Amino acid sequence: MDDKTRIELEAAAFRGLVEHLRKRSDVQNIDLMNLAGFCRNCLSKWYLAAAKEHGLAMDYDAAREAIYGMPYSEWQRQYQQEATAEQKDQFERTKPLHAKISGHT
């Protein structure tokens, strides 16, 4: 497989993941962090880092909107729920497994 095709496939997979996460607004970021070690905010940070590597002017809010499909404050208002004590405890226990870009490790 040539690099161009590989990049196109990777981009398609990424778009599929983002689309799926937009549809699954019932899944909270803390659940994603606890189970997989990354969440929508991590994807936003990876997106932002890639934009900067390409010399593009972008801020974290714009990167979040690219992933969430709306301003983050709107997503929070519509979908974010308060984390339970159990979720918060699991979050702390799983910190060593969180993606480095999360800022939690």
N, C-alpha and C. Protein backbone atom coordinates (compact mmCIF):
# COMPACT_ATOMS: atom_id res chain seq x y z
N MET A 1 0.86 -1.17 0.00
CA MET A 1 0.00 0.00 0.00
C MET A 1 0.90 1.24 0.00
N ASP A 2 0.56 2.20 -0.83
CA ASP A 2 1.37 3.42 -0.86
C ASP A 2 0.94 4.37 0.26
N ASP A 3 1.79 5.34 0.56
CA ASP A 3 1.52 6.27 1.67
C ASP A 3 0.24 7.06 1.48
N LYS A 4 -0.03 7.49 0.26
CA LYS A 4 -1.24 8.29 0.00
C LYS A 4 -2.49 7.47 0.33
N THR A 5 -2.53 6.23 -0.09
CA THR A 5 -3.69 5.38 0.20
C THR A 5 -3.81 5.12 1.70
N ARG A 6 -2.67 4.84 2.36
CA ARG A 6 -2.69 4.61 3.80
C ARG A 6 -3.24 5.81 4.54
N ILE A 7 -2.79 7.00 4.17
CA ILE A 7 -3.26 8.23 4.81
C ILE A 7 -4.76 8.43 4.57
N GLU A 8 -5.21 8.16 3.37
CA GLU A 8 -6.64 8.28 3.07
C GLU A 8 -7.47 7.31 3.91
N LEU A 9 -6.98 6.09 4.06
CA LEU A 9 -7.69 5.11 4.89
C LEU A 9 -7.70 5.52 6.35
N GLU A 10 -6.57 6.00 6.84
CA GLU A 10 -6.49 6.46 8.23
C GLU A 10 -7.45 7.63 8.46
N ALA A 11 -7.49 8.55 7.51
CA ALA A 11 -8.39 9.70 7.63
C ALA A 11 -9.84 9.25 7.63
N ALA A 12 -10.18 8.28 6.79
CA ALA A 12 -11.55 7.77 6.75
C ALA A 12 -11.92 7.09 8.07
N ALA A 13 -10.98 6.33 8.63
CA ALA A 13 -11.22 5.68 9.92
C ALA A 13 -11.43 6.73 11.01
N PHE A 14 -10.62 7.78 11.00
CA PHE A 14 -10.75 8.86 11.99
C PHE A 14 -12.12 9.53 11.85
N ARG A 15 -12.53 9.84 10.62
CA ARG A 15 -13.84 10.47 10.41
C ARG A 15 -14.95 9.56 10.91
N GLY A 16 -14.81 8.26 10.69
CA GLY A 16 -15.80 7.32 11.18
C GLY A 16 -15.88 7.31 12.70
N LEU A 17 -14.74 7.36 13.36
CA LEU A 17 -14.70 7.40 14.82
C LEU A 17 -15.37 8.67 15.33
N VAL A 18 -15.03 9.81 14.74
CA VAL A 18 -15.61 11.08 15.18
C VAL A 18 -17.13 11.07 14.96
N GLU A 19 -17.57 10.59 13.82
CA GLU A 19 -19.01 10.52 13.54
C GLU A 19 -19.71 9.62 14.56
N HIS A 20 -19.10 8.50 14.87
CA HIS A 20 -19.68 7.58 15.85
C HIS A 20 -19.79 8.24 17.22
N LEU A 21 -18.73 8.93 17.65
CA LEU A 21 -18.75 9.58 18.95
C LEU A 21 -19.78 10.71 19.00
N ARG A 22 -20.00 11.38 17.89
CA ARG A 22 -21.04 12.41 17.85
C ARG A 22 -22.41 11.80 18.04
N LYS A 23 -22.63 10.62 17.46
CA LYS A 23 -23.92 9.94 17.61
C LYS A 23 -24.11 9.38 19.02
N ARG A 24 -22.99 9.07 19.68
CA ARG A 24 -23.06 8.46 21.01
C ARG A 24 -22.84 9.51 22.10
N SER A 25 -23.64 10.57 22.05
CA SER A 25 -23.53 11.62 23.06
C SER A 25 -23.91 11.11 24.45
N ASP A 26 -24.53 9.92 24.50
CA ASP A 26 -24.86 9.33 25.79
C ASP A 26 -23.62 8.79 26.51
N VAL A 27 -22.55 8.56 25.75
CA VAL A 27 -21.31 8.07 26.35
C VAL A 27 -20.50 9.27 26.83
N GLN A 28 -20.26 9.31 28.10
CA GLN A 28 -19.56 10.42 28.71
C GLN A 28 -18.05 10.29 28.51
N ASN A 29 -17.37 11.42 28.47
CA ASN A 29 -15.92 11.41 28.31
C ASN A 29 -15.23 10.65 29.44
N ILE A 30 -15.74 10.77 30.65
CA ILE A 30 -15.10 10.08 31.76
C ILE A 30 -15.19 8.56 31.58
N ASP A 31 -16.29 8.09 30.97
CA ASP A 31 -16.41 6.66 30.68
C ASP A 31 -15.38 6.23 29.65
N LEU A 32 -15.20 7.06 28.62
CA LEU A 32 -14.18 6.76 27.61
C LEU A 32 -12.79 6.73 28.24
N MET A 33 -12.50 7.71 29.08
CA MET A 33 -11.18 7.77 29.74
C MET A 33 -10.98 6.54 30.61
N ASN A 34 -12.00 6.18 31.37
CA ASN A 34 -11.87 5.05 32.29
C ASN A 34 -11.70 3.73 31.55
N LEU A 35 -12.33 3.58 30.42
CA LEU A 35 -12.27 2.32 29.69
C LEU A 35 -11.15 2.25 28.66
N ALA A 36 -10.90 3.37 27.98
CA ALA A 36 -9.96 3.35 26.86
C ALA A 36 -8.74 4.25 27.05
N GLY A 37 -8.79 5.11 28.05
CA GLY A 37 -7.65 5.99 28.29
C GLY A 37 -7.58 7.21 27.40
N PHE A 38 -8.63 7.46 26.63
CA PHE A 38 -8.72 8.67 25.81
C PHE A 38 -10.19 9.04 25.68
N CYS A 39 -10.44 10.29 25.29
CA CYS A 39 -11.82 10.76 25.13
C CYS A 39 -11.87 11.77 23.99
N ARG A 40 -13.01 12.40 23.85
CA ARG A 40 -13.18 13.40 22.80
C ARG A 40 -12.17 14.54 22.94
N ASN A 41 -11.88 14.92 24.18
CA ASN A 41 -10.92 16.00 24.40
C ASN A 41 -9.52 15.59 23.97
N CYS A 42 -9.16 14.34 24.18
CA CYS A 42 -7.86 13.84 23.70
C CYS A 42 -7.82 13.90 22.18
N LEU A 43 -8.89 13.46 21.54
CA LEU A 43 -8.95 13.54 20.07
C LEU A 43 -8.78 14.99 19.62
N SER A 44 -9.40 15.90 20.35
CA SER A 44 -9.27 17.33 20.02
C SER A 44 -7.82 17.78 20.14
N LYS A 45 -7.14 17.31 21.19
CA LYS A 45 -5.74 17.69 21.39
C LYS A 45 -4.85 17.09 20.31
N TRP A 46 -5.12 15.85 19.89
CA TRP A 46 -4.36 15.25 18.78
C TRP A 46 -4.60 16.02 17.49
N TYR A 47 -5.85 16.41 17.28
CA TYR A 47 -6.22 17.18 16.08
C TYR A 47 -5.48 18.52 16.07
N LEU A 48 -5.49 19.19 17.20
CA LEU A 48 -4.80 20.47 17.34
C LEU A 48 -3.30 20.32 17.13
N ALA A 49 -2.71 19.29 17.71
CA ALA A 49 -1.28 19.05 17.54
C ALA A 49 -0.94 18.81 16.06
N ALA A 50 -1.79 18.07 15.36
CA ALA A 50 -1.56 17.81 13.94
C ALA A 50 -1.66 19.11 13.14
N ALA A 51 -2.65 19.95 13.48
CA ALA A 51 -2.80 21.23 12.78
C ALA A 51 -1.54 22.09 12.98
N LYS A 52 -1.04 22.12 14.20
CA LYS A 52 0.16 22.92 14.48
C LYS A 52 1.37 22.36 13.75
N GLU A 53 1.47 21.02 13.67
CA GLU A 53 2.58 20.41 12.93
C GLU A 53 2.55 20.80 11.46
N HIS A 54 1.37 21.10 10.96
CA HIS A 54 1.22 21.53 9.56
C HIS A 54 1.24 23.05 9.41
N GLY A 55 1.56 23.75 10.50
CA GLY A 55 1.67 25.20 10.46
C GLY A 55 0.35 25.92 10.36
N LEU A 56 -0.74 25.25 10.74
CA LEU A 56 -2.07 25.88 10.68
C LEU A 56 -2.38 26.59 11.99
N ALA A 57 -3.00 27.74 11.87
CA ALA A 57 -3.43 28.49 13.05
C ALA A 57 -4.74 27.89 13.54
N MET A 58 -4.73 27.36 14.75
CA MET A 58 -5.93 26.76 15.33
C MET A 58 -5.78 26.83 16.83
N ASP A 59 -6.90 27.02 17.52
CA ASP A 59 -6.85 26.96 18.97
C ASP A 59 -7.65 25.75 19.46
N TYR A 60 -7.56 25.49 20.75
CA TYR A 60 -8.19 24.31 21.34
C TYR A 60 -9.71 24.33 21.14
N ASP A 61 -10.32 25.50 21.24
CA ASP A 61 -11.77 25.60 21.05
C ASP A 61 -12.17 25.16 19.64
N ALA A 62 -11.41 25.59 18.64
CA ALA A 62 -11.71 25.19 17.25
C ALA A 62 -11.49 23.70 17.06
N ALA A 63 -10.45 23.16 17.68
CA ALA A 63 -10.20 21.72 17.59
C ALA A 63 -11.32 20.93 18.25
N ARG A 64 -11.77 21.39 19.39
CA ARG A 64 -12.90 20.72 20.06
C ARG A 64 -14.15 20.75 19.20
N GLU A 65 -14.42 21.88 18.59
CA GLU A 65 -15.61 21.99 17.74
C GLU A 65 -15.51 21.04 16.55
N ALA A 66 -14.32 20.84 16.03
CA ALA A 66 -14.12 19.90 14.91
C ALA A 66 -14.46 18.47 15.35
N ILE A 67 -14.21 18.13 16.59
CA ILE A 67 -14.47 16.78 17.09
C ILE A 67 -15.91 16.65 17.59
N TYR A 68 -16.37 17.61 18.37
CA TYR A 68 -17.71 17.53 18.95
C TYR A 68 -18.82 17.87 17.95
N GLY A 69 -18.47 18.61 16.90
CA GLY A 69 -19.47 19.03 15.92
C GLY A 69 -20.29 20.23 16.37
N MET A 70 -19.85 20.85 17.43
CA MET A 70 -20.50 22.04 18.00
C MET A 70 -19.56 22.63 19.02
N PRO A 71 -19.79 23.86 19.44
CA PRO A 71 -18.94 24.41 20.51
C PRO A 71 -19.01 23.52 21.76
N TYR A 72 -17.88 23.36 22.41
CA TYR A 72 -17.80 22.48 23.58
C TYR A 72 -18.80 22.89 24.66
N SER A 73 -18.97 24.19 24.87
CA SER A 73 -19.91 24.65 25.90
C SER A 73 -21.34 24.18 25.59
N GLU A 74 -21.69 24.14 24.31
CA GLU A 74 -23.01 23.66 23.92
C GLU A 74 -23.13 22.15 24.18
N TRP A 75 -22.08 21.41 23.85
CA TRP A 75 -22.09 19.96 24.10
C TRP A 75 -22.24 19.69 25.59
N GLN A 76 -21.48 20.43 26.39
CA GLN A 76 -21.58 20.25 27.84
C GLN A 76 -23.01 20.51 28.32
N ARG A 77 -23.59 21.59 27.86
CA ARG A 77 -24.94 21.97 28.27
C ARG A 77 -25.96 20.88 27.88
N GLN A 78 -25.82 20.34 26.68
CA GLN A 78 -26.79 19.38 26.19
C GLN A 78 -26.58 17.96 26.70
N TYR A 79 -25.32 17.56 26.87
CA TYR A 79 -25.05 16.13 27.07
C TYR A 79 -24.25 15.75 28.30
N GLN A 80 -23.43 16.64 28.81
CA GLN A 80 -22.55 16.25 29.91
C GLN A 80 -23.31 16.09 31.21
N GLN A 81 -23.02 14.99 31.86
CA GLN A 81 -23.63 14.70 33.16
C GLN A 81 -22.56 14.77 34.24
N GLU A 82 -22.97 15.02 35.45
CA GLU A 82 -22.03 15.03 36.57
C GLU A 82 -21.49 13.63 36.78
N ALA A 83 -20.19 13.52 36.93
CA ALA A 83 -19.57 12.22 37.16
C ALA A 83 -19.91 11.72 38.56
N THR A 84 -20.13 10.42 38.65
CA THR A 84 -20.41 9.82 39.95
C THR A 84 -19.11 9.66 40.72
N ALA A 85 -19.24 9.41 42.01
CA ALA A 85 -18.06 9.17 42.85
C ALA A 85 -17.29 7.96 42.34
N GLU A 86 -18.00 6.93 41.92
CA GLU A 86 -17.35 5.73 41.39
C GLU A 86 -16.57 6.04 40.10
N GLN A 87 -17.16 6.83 39.21
CA GLN A 87 -16.47 7.21 37.98
C GLN A 87 -15.21 8.01 38.29
N LYS A 88 -15.32 8.94 39.22
CA LYS A 88 -14.16 9.77 39.60
C LYS A 88 -13.06 8.91 40.21
N ASP A 89 -13.45 7.93 41.05
CA ASP A 89 -12.47 7.04 41.67
C ASP A 89 -11.77 6.19 40.60
N GLN A 90 -12.54 5.65 39.66
CA GLN A 90 -11.95 4.86 38.58
C GLN A 90 -11.04 5.72 37.72
N PHE A 91 -11.43 6.96 37.48
CA PHE A 91 -10.60 7.88 36.71
C PHE A 91 -9.23 8.03 37.37
N GLU A 92 -9.21 8.21 38.66
CA GLU A 92 -7.94 8.36 39.38
C GLU A 92 -7.12 7.08 39.32
N ARG A 93 -7.78 5.92 39.44
CA ARG A 93 -7.06 4.64 39.40
C ARG A 93 -6.48 4.36 38.01
N THR A 94 -7.14 4.85 36.97
CA THR A 94 -6.70 4.53 35.61
C THR A 94 -5.78 5.60 35.01
N LYS A 95 -5.47 6.63 35.74
CA LYS A 95 -4.62 7.72 35.22
C LYS A 95 -3.34 7.23 34.55
N PRO A 96 -2.65 6.24 35.11
CA PRO A 96 -1.41 5.80 34.44
C PRO A 96 -1.65 5.24 33.03
N LEU A 97 -2.88 4.88 32.72
CA LEU A 97 -3.22 4.31 31.42
C LEU A 97 -3.77 5.34 30.44
N HIS A 98 -3.97 6.57 30.91
CA HIS A 98 -4.53 7.61 30.04
C HIS A 98 -3.53 8.02 28.97
N ALA A 99 -4.05 8.43 27.84
CA ALA A 99 -3.20 8.91 26.74
C ALA A 99 -2.33 10.06 27.26
N LYS A 100 -1.08 10.09 26.83
CA LYS A 100 -0.17 11.13 27.30
C LYS A 100 -0.69 12.51 26.98
N ILE A 101 -1.35 12.66 25.84
CA ILE A 101 -1.84 13.97 25.43
C ILE A 101 -2.98 14.47 26.33
N SER A 102 -3.58 13.57 27.12
CA SER A 102 -4.69 13.95 27.99
C SER A 102 -4.28 14.96 29.05
N GLY A 103 -3.02 14.90 29.44
CA GLY A 103 -2.55 15.77 30.52
C GLY A 103 -2.80 15.19 31.90
N HIS A 104 -3.32 13.98 31.96
CA HIS A 104 -3.64 13.35 33.25
C HIS A 104 -2.53 12.45 33.76
N THR A 105 -1.58 12.12 32.90
CA THR A 105 -0.54 11.17 33.31
C THR A 105 0.61 11.87 33.99
